[in-house]
Structures are given as C-alpha cells and as structure tokens.
Amino acid sequence: MSTLYDFRYRALNGEERALAEHRGKALLIVNTASRCGFTGQYAALEALHRRYQAQGLVIIGFPCNQFGRQEPDDAAAIGAFCRKNYGVGFAMADKVDVNGPNAHPLWRYLCQQQPGLFGSARIKWNFTKFLIGRDGRIASRHAPLIGPERLSGRIETLLAE
C-alpha cells in the first residue's frame, strides 16, 4: 500500500469501507476502548465531529483490546455503549489490533509514517490520535494524554488547506 487511500476497514456494522471514500477530507483516526481511563474522550471526539463534520472532518474510531483488555466486547456491544453513553455519531470500525503481527495494515502504515516519541513505531495506549490532511498525508500524531479538544486549532488549519 502506498497511500492512506489504499486501505480498507470493516465498520462496526460489518460493512467494508474504503478510506478512499474520504479523499479530500481531513481525518482524525483514533484507537479507542470502552473501559479505559481515557474513555471519556469519546465525548470530546463527538463534539469535534459535530463541530467540524460539515467543513470536511471525518473521525474514525478503531476499538482495540490490546491495552489492559479494556475493549473486550463485540461490535454490537461496543456500538451500543458508544451511542448510549456518548452519543457517538462518528464512524466506528470493528475491533482491530494496532500493534504486533496481527496489527491492521492501516495502523502499521500510520505508525511507520508518523512514529511516536523517540521514533517508536508502536502505539503505547488507547486513544492515540492521528490527524491527516485533505491531501492524505499524516499531519501529526497525538498521545492519549492530549485530549481531542486540544486539537481544534490543528483541525481548523487542516480544514483551511
């Protein structure tokens, strides 16, 4: 795969989706978990979705159970939890691995293109975020401690490009 738009993923509802559907839009891709200390970030992600969707921002959450087994449920339970507790309306993928030999190819690509602190290609924990410009290039990577609300300025810059 040579560009972000070459990747596909399965949505929580089982539908196959292509990132190429979002060509020309800014993306915020996040690994998520429903039983994590950072789970409250769903509310801030939904707020960004509502605020910037019409301007061209697409948010995709990728549930992952690799960190403290904090996402043990199936797709139906994950979707119900997100809707009930946070009103999530942004796109959610089916559960994936983000590290290791079974890592989803998109996540391998993201980590290779935008390594973390000290050049690490691994995702360290839930709610690691990647901002991608309208051109499909990764603009930045953000650690879980960086709440989504702190990304507004960067998102506005990407949307203006």
N, C-alpha and C. Protein backbone atom coordinates (compact mmCIF):
# COMPACT_ATOMS: atom_id res chain seq x y z
N MET A 1 0.85 -1.18 0.00
CA MET A 1 0.00 0.00 0.00
C MET A 1 0.90 1.24 0.00
N SER A 2 0.57 2.18 -0.85
CA SER A 2 1.45 3.33 -0.95
C SER A 2 0.83 4.62 -0.41
N THR A 3 -0.48 4.68 -0.31
CA THR A 3 -1.11 5.88 0.25
C THR A 3 -2.20 5.46 1.24
N LEU A 4 -2.57 6.39 2.06
CA LEU A 4 -3.63 6.16 3.04
C LEU A 4 -4.91 5.67 2.36
N TYR A 5 -5.17 6.18 1.17
CA TYR A 5 -6.42 5.88 0.48
C TYR A 5 -6.48 4.46 -0.09
N ASP A 6 -5.38 3.72 0.00
CA ASP A 6 -5.38 2.34 -0.45
C ASP A 6 -5.97 1.38 0.58
N PHE A 7 -6.19 1.85 1.82
CA PHE A 7 -6.62 0.97 2.90
C PHE A 7 -8.13 0.88 3.03
N ARG A 8 -8.55 -0.27 3.54
CA ARG A 8 -9.96 -0.56 3.80
C ARG A 8 -10.08 -1.00 5.25
N TYR A 9 -11.29 -0.90 5.77
CA TYR A 9 -11.56 -1.39 7.12
C TYR A 9 -13.01 -1.85 7.19
N ARG A 10 -13.30 -2.64 8.20
CA ARG A 10 -14.67 -3.11 8.43
C ARG A 10 -15.29 -2.23 9.50
N ALA A 11 -16.46 -1.66 9.21
CA ALA A 11 -17.18 -0.83 10.17
C ALA A 11 -17.83 -1.72 11.24
N LEU A 12 -18.24 -1.12 12.34
CA LEU A 12 -18.89 -1.88 13.41
C LEU A 12 -20.11 -2.65 12.92
N ASN A 13 -20.78 -2.13 11.90
CA ASN A 13 -21.97 -2.80 11.37
C ASN A 13 -21.61 -3.92 10.39
N GLY A 14 -20.32 -4.18 10.21
CA GLY A 14 -19.86 -5.25 9.33
C GLY A 14 -19.60 -4.83 7.90
N GLU A 15 -19.96 -3.62 7.55
CA GLU A 15 -19.77 -3.11 6.19
C GLU A 15 -18.30 -2.81 5.92
N GLU A 16 -17.83 -3.25 4.75
CA GLU A 16 -16.47 -2.92 4.32
C GLU A 16 -16.44 -1.47 3.85
N ARG A 17 -15.46 -0.72 4.31
CA ARG A 17 -15.33 0.70 3.95
C ARG A 17 -13.92 0.94 3.40
N ALA A 18 -13.81 1.90 2.53
CA ALA A 18 -12.52 2.29 1.96
C ALA A 18 -12.18 3.70 2.41
N LEU A 19 -10.95 3.91 2.81
CA LEU A 19 -10.54 5.27 3.17
C LEU A 19 -10.59 6.19 1.96
N ALA A 20 -10.54 5.64 0.77
CA ALA A 20 -10.65 6.45 -0.44
C ALA A 20 -11.98 7.22 -0.49
N GLU A 21 -12.99 6.74 0.24
CA GLU A 21 -14.27 7.46 0.32
C GLU A 21 -14.09 8.85 0.91
N HIS A 22 -13.02 9.04 1.64
CA HIS A 22 -12.80 10.30 2.36
C HIS A 22 -11.73 11.18 1.71
N ARG A 23 -11.37 10.84 0.48
CA ARG A 23 -10.38 11.64 -0.24
C ARG A 23 -10.85 13.10 -0.26
N GLY A 24 -9.93 14.01 0.04
CA GLY A 24 -10.26 15.43 0.04
C GLY A 24 -10.79 15.94 1.37
N LYS A 25 -10.90 15.06 2.35
CA LYS A 25 -11.36 15.47 3.68
C LYS A 25 -10.21 15.31 4.67
N ALA A 26 -10.30 16.01 5.77
CA ALA A 26 -9.35 15.83 6.86
C ALA A 26 -9.85 14.67 7.70
N LEU A 27 -8.92 13.88 8.23
CA LEU A 27 -9.28 12.71 9.03
C LEU A 27 -8.66 12.79 10.41
N LEU A 28 -9.37 12.27 11.39
CA LEU A 28 -8.84 12.05 12.73
C LEU A 28 -9.10 10.58 13.02
N ILE A 29 -8.02 9.80 13.09
CA ILE A 29 -8.11 8.36 13.31
C ILE A 29 -7.59 8.07 14.71
N VAL A 30 -8.39 7.32 15.49
CA VAL A 30 -8.12 7.12 16.92
C VAL A 30 -8.33 5.66 17.29
N ASN A 31 -7.40 5.08 18.08
CA ASN A 31 -7.70 3.76 18.65
C ASN A 31 -8.43 3.98 19.97
N THR A 32 -9.51 3.26 20.17
CA THR A 32 -10.41 3.53 21.29
C THR A 32 -10.60 2.30 22.17
N ALA A 33 -11.18 2.52 23.34
CA ALA A 33 -11.54 1.43 24.25
C ALA A 33 -12.64 1.93 25.18
N SER A 34 -13.56 1.06 25.52
CA SER A 34 -14.73 1.44 26.32
C SER A 34 -14.53 1.35 27.82
N ARG A 35 -13.45 0.74 28.26
CA ARG A 35 -13.20 0.57 29.69
C ARG A 35 -11.84 1.10 30.09
N CYS A 36 -11.52 2.26 29.61
CA CYS A 36 -10.20 2.87 29.78
C CYS A 36 -10.36 4.18 30.54
N GLY A 37 -9.31 4.59 31.20
CA GLY A 37 -9.33 5.89 31.87
C GLY A 37 -9.53 7.05 30.91
N PHE A 38 -9.26 6.83 29.64
CA PHE A 38 -9.42 7.87 28.62
C PHE A 38 -10.75 7.75 27.86
N THR A 39 -11.61 6.82 28.24
CA THR A 39 -12.86 6.58 27.52
C THR A 39 -13.71 7.84 27.42
N GLY A 40 -13.62 8.72 28.40
CA GLY A 40 -14.35 9.98 28.36
C GLY A 40 -14.01 10.83 27.15
N GLN A 41 -12.90 10.53 26.48
CA GLN A 41 -12.54 11.28 25.27
C GLN A 41 -13.55 11.06 24.15
N TYR A 42 -14.37 10.03 24.25
CA TYR A 42 -15.44 9.86 23.26
C TYR A 42 -16.30 11.13 23.18
N ALA A 43 -16.57 11.76 24.32
CA ALA A 43 -17.41 12.96 24.34
C ALA A 43 -16.74 14.09 23.55
N ALA A 44 -15.45 14.28 23.75
CA ALA A 44 -14.73 15.33 23.03
C ALA A 44 -14.60 15.00 21.55
N LEU A 45 -14.41 13.74 21.22
CA LEU A 45 -14.37 13.34 19.81
C LEU A 45 -15.72 13.61 19.14
N GLU A 46 -16.80 13.30 19.83
CA GLU A 46 -18.13 13.57 19.28
C GLU A 46 -18.36 15.07 19.11
N ALA A 47 -17.87 15.86 20.05
CA ALA A 47 -18.00 17.32 19.94
C ALA A 47 -17.25 17.83 18.71
N LEU A 48 -16.05 17.30 18.46
CA LEU A 48 -15.30 17.69 17.26
C LEU A 48 -16.06 17.26 16.01
N HIS A 49 -16.60 16.07 16.04
CA HIS A 49 -17.38 15.56 14.90
C HIS A 49 -18.53 16.51 14.57
N ARG A 50 -19.28 16.87 15.57
CA ARG A 50 -20.43 17.77 15.35
C ARG A 50 -19.99 19.15 14.90
N ARG A 51 -18.90 19.63 15.43
CA ARG A 51 -18.43 20.98 15.11
C ARG A 51 -17.84 21.09 13.71
N TYR A 52 -17.11 20.06 13.27
CA TYR A 52 -16.34 20.18 12.03
C TYR A 52 -16.77 19.26 10.89
N GLN A 53 -17.73 18.40 11.09
CA GLN A 53 -18.12 17.47 10.06
C GLN A 53 -18.53 18.18 8.77
N ALA A 54 -19.33 19.20 8.87
CA ALA A 54 -19.80 19.91 7.68
C ALA A 54 -18.67 20.62 6.93
N GLN A 55 -17.57 20.88 7.63
CA GLN A 55 -16.41 21.53 7.00
C GLN A 55 -15.45 20.52 6.38
N GLY A 56 -15.71 19.22 6.61
CA GLY A 56 -14.88 18.21 5.96
C GLY A 56 -14.04 17.35 6.87
N LEU A 57 -14.33 17.31 8.17
CA LEU A 57 -13.59 16.43 9.08
C LEU A 57 -14.33 15.09 9.20
N VAL A 58 -13.58 14.01 9.09
CA VAL A 58 -14.10 12.66 9.30
C VAL A 58 -13.31 12.06 10.46
N ILE A 59 -14.02 11.58 11.47
CA ILE A 59 -13.39 10.90 12.60
C ILE A 59 -13.73 9.42 12.50
N ILE A 60 -12.71 8.58 12.68
CA ILE A 60 -12.93 7.13 12.69
C ILE A 60 -12.27 6.56 13.94
N GLY A 61 -13.09 5.93 14.77
CA GLY A 61 -12.59 5.24 15.95
C GLY A 61 -12.35 3.78 15.64
N PHE A 62 -11.22 3.27 16.11
CA PHE A 62 -10.86 1.87 15.92
C PHE A 62 -10.73 1.22 17.29
N PRO A 63 -11.76 0.54 17.77
CA PRO A 63 -11.66 -0.15 19.06
C PRO A 63 -10.52 -1.16 19.05
N CYS A 64 -9.85 -1.25 20.19
CA CYS A 64 -8.69 -2.14 20.31
C CYS A 64 -8.67 -2.73 21.72
N ASN A 65 -8.39 -4.01 21.83
CA ASN A 65 -8.37 -4.69 23.12
C ASN A 65 -6.94 -5.04 23.56
N GLN A 66 -5.94 -4.41 22.97
CA GLN A 66 -4.55 -4.77 23.25
C GLN A 66 -3.97 -4.13 24.51
N PHE A 67 -4.64 -3.16 25.08
CA PHE A 67 -4.09 -2.43 26.21
C PHE A 67 -4.96 -2.68 27.44
N GLY A 68 -4.50 -3.54 28.32
CA GLY A 68 -5.22 -3.84 29.54
C GLY A 68 -6.57 -4.51 29.31
N ARG A 69 -6.76 -5.08 28.12
CA ARG A 69 -8.04 -5.74 27.77
C ARG A 69 -9.23 -4.84 28.10
N GLN A 70 -9.11 -3.60 27.67
CA GLN A 70 -10.13 -2.60 28.00
C GLN A 70 -11.22 -2.45 26.94
N GLU A 71 -11.20 -3.34 25.94
CA GLU A 71 -12.26 -3.38 24.93
C GLU A 71 -12.60 -4.83 24.63
N PRO A 72 -13.17 -5.55 25.62
CA PRO A 72 -13.42 -6.99 25.44
C PRO A 72 -14.68 -7.34 24.67
N ASP A 73 -15.58 -6.39 24.46
CA ASP A 73 -16.89 -6.69 23.89
C ASP A 73 -16.85 -6.84 22.37
N ASP A 74 -17.97 -7.33 21.83
CA ASP A 74 -18.10 -7.47 20.38
C ASP A 74 -18.61 -6.16 19.77
N ALA A 75 -18.71 -6.15 18.46
CA ALA A 75 -19.09 -4.93 17.73
C ALA A 75 -20.43 -4.37 18.19
N ALA A 76 -21.42 -5.22 18.36
CA ALA A 76 -22.74 -4.73 18.76
C ALA A 76 -22.69 -4.05 20.12
N ALA A 77 -22.00 -4.65 21.07
CA ALA A 77 -21.90 -4.06 22.42
C ALA A 77 -21.09 -2.77 22.40
N ILE A 78 -20.03 -2.73 21.60
CA ILE A 78 -19.23 -1.51 21.50
C ILE A 78 -20.08 -0.38 20.94
N GLY A 79 -20.79 -0.64 19.86
CA GLY A 79 -21.65 0.38 19.25
C GLY A 79 -22.72 0.87 20.20
N ALA A 80 -23.37 -0.05 20.91
CA ALA A 80 -24.41 0.33 21.87
C ALA A 80 -23.83 1.19 22.99
N PHE A 81 -22.67 0.82 23.50
CA PHE A 81 -22.02 1.58 24.56
C PHE A 81 -21.72 3.00 24.09
N CYS A 82 -21.14 3.12 22.92
CA CYS A 82 -20.75 4.44 22.39
C CYS A 82 -21.96 5.34 22.15
N ARG A 83 -23.02 4.78 21.60
CA ARG A 83 -24.23 5.57 21.35
C ARG A 83 -24.91 5.97 22.66
N LYS A 84 -25.09 5.01 23.56
CA LYS A 84 -25.81 5.26 24.80
C LYS A 84 -25.07 6.26 25.71
N ASN A 85 -23.78 6.07 25.88
CA ASN A 85 -23.03 6.85 26.85
C ASN A 85 -22.44 8.15 26.30
N TYR A 86 -22.20 8.20 24.98
CA TYR A 86 -21.54 9.39 24.43
C TYR A 86 -22.21 9.93 23.18
N GLY A 87 -23.30 9.33 22.74
CA GLY A 87 -24.00 9.82 21.55
C GLY A 87 -23.14 9.79 20.30
N VAL A 88 -22.23 8.83 20.23
CA VAL A 88 -21.26 8.79 19.12
C VAL A 88 -21.97 8.66 17.78
N GLY A 89 -21.71 9.61 16.91
CA GLY A 89 -22.24 9.60 15.56
C GLY A 89 -21.14 9.51 14.52
N PHE A 90 -19.89 9.61 14.96
CA PHE A 90 -18.78 9.48 14.00
C PHE A 90 -18.56 8.00 13.69
N ALA A 91 -17.81 7.75 12.64
CA ALA A 91 -17.58 6.38 12.17
C ALA A 91 -16.80 5.56 13.19
N MET A 92 -17.21 4.32 13.35
CA MET A 92 -16.50 3.39 14.22
C MET A 92 -16.20 2.12 13.42
N ALA A 93 -14.95 1.70 13.49
CA ALA A 93 -14.52 0.46 12.84
C ALA A 93 -14.78 -0.71 13.77
N ASP A 94 -14.70 -1.90 13.22
CA ASP A 94 -14.73 -3.10 14.04
C ASP A 94 -13.40 -3.18 14.81
N LYS A 95 -13.38 -3.95 15.85
CA LYS A 95 -12.20 -4.07 16.70
C LYS A 95 -11.00 -4.57 15.91
N VAL A 96 -9.83 -3.94 16.14
CA VAL A 96 -8.59 -4.30 15.45
C VAL A 96 -7.44 -4.36 16.45
N ASP A 97 -6.35 -4.98 16.03
CA ASP A 97 -5.07 -4.84 16.72
C ASP A 97 -4.34 -3.67 16.07
N VAL A 98 -3.63 -2.90 16.87
CA VAL A 98 -2.86 -1.77 16.35
C VAL A 98 -1.36 -2.03 16.43
N ASN A 99 -0.96 -3.07 17.15
CA ASN A 99 0.44 -3.47 17.29
C ASN A 99 0.59 -4.96 17.01
N GLY A 100 1.81 -5.36 16.76
CA GLY A 100 2.12 -6.78 16.66
C GLY A 100 1.84 -7.38 15.30
N PRO A 101 2.00 -8.72 15.22
CA PRO A 101 1.89 -9.40 13.92
C PRO A 101 0.48 -9.36 13.32
N ASN A 102 -0.53 -9.16 14.15
CA ASN A 102 -1.90 -9.09 13.63
C ASN A 102 -2.42 -7.67 13.52
N ALA A 103 -1.54 -6.69 13.61
CA ALA A 103 -1.96 -5.30 13.50
C ALA A 103 -2.63 -5.05 12.15
N HIS A 104 -3.70 -4.27 12.21
CA HIS A 104 -4.38 -3.89 10.97
C HIS A 104 -3.37 -3.14 10.09
N PRO A 105 -3.35 -3.42 8.78
CA PRO A 105 -2.38 -2.76 7.89
C PRO A 105 -2.43 -1.23 7.95
N LEU A 106 -3.60 -0.65 8.15
CA LEU A 106 -3.69 0.81 8.27
C LEU A 106 -2.86 1.29 9.45
N TRP A 107 -2.96 0.60 10.57
CA TRP A 107 -2.23 1.02 11.76
C TRP A 107 -0.73 0.82 11.61
N ARG A 108 -0.32 -0.21 10.90
CA ARG A 108 1.12 -0.37 10.61
C ARG A 108 1.60 0.82 9.78
N TYR A 109 0.80 1.17 8.78
CA TYR A 109 1.14 2.30 7.91
C TYR A 109 1.23 3.61 8.70
N LEU A 110 0.21 3.88 9.53
CA LEU A 110 0.21 5.12 10.32
C LEU A 110 1.45 5.21 11.19
N CYS A 111 1.79 4.11 11.86
CA CYS A 111 2.94 4.12 12.77
C CYS A 111 4.27 4.24 12.03
N GLN A 112 4.35 3.68 10.83
CA GLN A 112 5.57 3.83 10.03
C GLN A 112 5.72 5.25 9.51
N GLN A 113 4.61 5.84 9.09
CA GLN A 113 4.65 7.19 8.53
C GLN A 113 4.85 8.27 9.59
N GLN A 114 4.34 8.03 10.80
CA GLN A 114 4.41 9.03 11.86
C GLN A 114 4.77 8.33 13.18
N PRO A 115 6.06 8.03 13.37
CA PRO A 115 6.47 7.37 14.61
C PRO A 115 6.17 8.24 15.82
N GLY A 116 6.10 7.58 16.96
CA GLY A 116 5.85 8.28 18.21
C GLY A 116 7.13 8.80 18.83
N LEU A 117 7.05 9.08 20.11
CA LEU A 117 8.17 9.61 20.87
C LEU A 117 9.39 8.71 20.72
N PHE A 118 10.53 9.32 20.52
CA PHE A 118 11.81 8.61 20.36
C PHE A 118 11.81 7.66 19.16
N GLY A 119 10.95 7.92 18.18
CA GLY A 119 10.93 7.12 16.95
C GLY A 119 10.22 5.79 17.05
N SER A 120 9.50 5.56 18.13
CA SER A 120 8.81 4.29 18.31
C SER A 120 7.67 4.16 17.31
N ALA A 121 7.59 3.00 16.67
CA ALA A 121 6.51 2.76 15.73
C ALA A 121 5.29 2.15 16.41
N ARG A 122 5.41 1.80 17.67
CA ARG A 122 4.31 1.16 18.39
C ARG A 122 3.33 2.18 18.96
N ILE A 123 2.08 1.77 19.04
CA ILE A 123 1.07 2.53 19.77
C ILE A 123 1.26 2.18 21.24
N LYS A 124 1.30 3.20 22.08
CA LYS A 124 1.57 2.95 23.50
C LYS A 124 0.31 2.65 24.32
N TRP A 125 -0.84 3.24 23.94
CA TRP A 125 -2.05 3.04 24.74
C TRP A 125 -3.26 3.48 23.93
N ASN A 126 -4.43 3.24 24.51
CA ASN A 126 -5.70 3.64 23.90
C ASN A 126 -5.76 5.16 23.71
N PHE A 127 -6.48 5.57 22.69
CA PHE A 127 -6.75 6.97 22.36
C PHE A 127 -5.52 7.72 21.84
N THR A 128 -4.66 6.99 21.13
CA THR A 128 -3.62 7.63 20.33
C THR A 128 -4.32 8.13 19.07
N LYS A 129 -3.97 9.35 18.66
CA LYS A 129 -4.69 10.02 17.58
C LYS A 129 -3.76 10.41 16.43
N PHE A 130 -4.23 10.24 15.21
CA PHE A 130 -3.52 10.66 14.01
C PHE A 130 -4.40 11.66 13.26
N LEU A 131 -3.86 12.84 12.99
CA LEU A 131 -4.54 13.84 12.17
C LEU A 131 -3.97 13.77 10.76
N ILE A 132 -4.85 13.74 9.79
CA ILE A 132 -4.47 13.58 8.39
C ILE A 132 -5.10 14.71 7.58
N GLY A 133 -4.28 15.33 6.74
CA GLY A 133 -4.76 16.43 5.93
C GLY A 133 -5.61 15.98 4.76
N ARG A 134 -6.20 16.96 4.12
CA ARG A 134 -7.07 16.68 2.96
C ARG A 134 -6.31 15.99 1.83
N ASP A 135 -4.98 16.13 1.85
CA ASP A 135 -4.14 15.51 0.82
C ASP A 135 -3.78 14.07 1.15
N GLY A 136 -4.25 13.55 2.29
CA GLY A 136 -3.97 12.17 2.67
C GLY A 136 -2.66 11.99 3.40
N ARG A 137 -1.96 13.07 3.67
CA ARG A 137 -0.68 12.99 4.38
C ARG A 137 -0.91 13.16 5.88
N ILE A 138 -0.19 12.38 6.66
CA ILE A 138 -0.32 12.44 8.11
C ILE A 138 0.31 13.74 8.60
N ALA A 139 -0.50 14.56 9.25
CA ALA A 139 -0.04 15.86 9.72
C ALA A 139 0.57 15.76 11.11
N SER A 140 0.00 14.90 11.97
CA SER A 140 0.51 14.82 13.34
C SER A 140 -0.03 13.58 14.04
N ARG A 141 0.71 13.20 15.08
CA ARG A 141 0.33 12.08 15.95
C ARG A 141 0.24 12.64 17.36
N HIS A 142 -0.78 12.21 18.11
CA HIS A 142 -1.00 12.75 19.45
C HIS A 142 -1.20 11.62 20.45
N ALA A 143 -0.51 11.74 21.57
CA ALA A 143 -0.58 10.76 22.64
C ALA A 143 -1.94 10.81 23.32
N PRO A 144 -2.31 9.74 24.03
CA PRO A 144 -3.59 9.69 24.73
C PRO A 144 -3.81 10.85 25.70
N LEU A 145 -2.77 11.35 26.31
CA LEU A 145 -2.91 12.45 27.27
C LEU A 145 -3.37 13.75 26.61
N ILE A 146 -3.20 13.85 25.30
CA ILE A 146 -3.65 15.04 24.56
C ILE A 146 -5.13 14.83 24.24
N GLY A 147 -5.99 15.54 24.94
CA GLY A 147 -7.42 15.40 24.72
C GLY A 147 -7.82 15.92 23.35
N PRO A 148 -8.84 15.33 22.74
CA PRO A 148 -9.28 15.77 21.41
C PRO A 148 -9.60 17.26 21.33
N GLU A 149 -10.13 17.84 22.41
CA GLU A 149 -10.48 19.26 22.40
C GLU A 149 -9.25 20.14 22.13
N ARG A 150 -8.07 19.64 22.45
CA ARG A 150 -6.84 20.40 22.23
C ARG A 150 -6.40 20.38 20.76
N LEU A 151 -7.09 19.64 19.92
CA LEU A 151 -6.72 19.53 18.51
C LEU A 151 -7.48 20.50 17.62
N SER A 152 -8.37 21.28 18.18
CA SER A 152 -9.21 22.18 17.36
C SER A 152 -8.41 23.08 16.44
N GLY A 153 -7.37 23.71 16.96
CA GLY A 153 -6.56 24.61 16.14
C GLY A 153 -5.92 23.90 14.97
N ARG A 154 -5.36 22.72 15.22
CA ARG A 154 -4.73 21.94 14.15
C ARG A 154 -5.79 21.50 13.13
N ILE A 155 -6.96 21.10 13.62
CA ILE A 155 -8.03 20.69 12.72
C ILE A 155 -8.46 21.85 11.84
N GLU A 156 -8.63 23.02 12.42
CA GLU A 156 -9.03 24.19 11.63
C GLU A 156 -7.99 24.52 10.57
N THR A 157 -6.72 24.37 10.91
CA THR A 157 -5.65 24.62 9.93
C THR A 157 -5.76 23.63 8.77
N LEU A 158 -5.96 22.34 9.09
CA LEU A 158 -6.08 21.33 8.04
C LEU A 158 -7.32 21.55 7.17
N LEU A 159 -8.40 21.96 7.79
CA LEU A 159 -9.63 22.20 7.03
C LEU A 159 -9.51 23.41 6.12
N ALA A 160 -8.65 24.36 6.48
CA ALA A 160 -8.47 25.57 5.68
C ALA A 160 -7.56 25.32 4.46
N GLU A 161 -6.82 24.22 4.48
CA GLU A 161 -5.88 23.94 3.38
C GLU A 161 -6.59 23.45 2.14
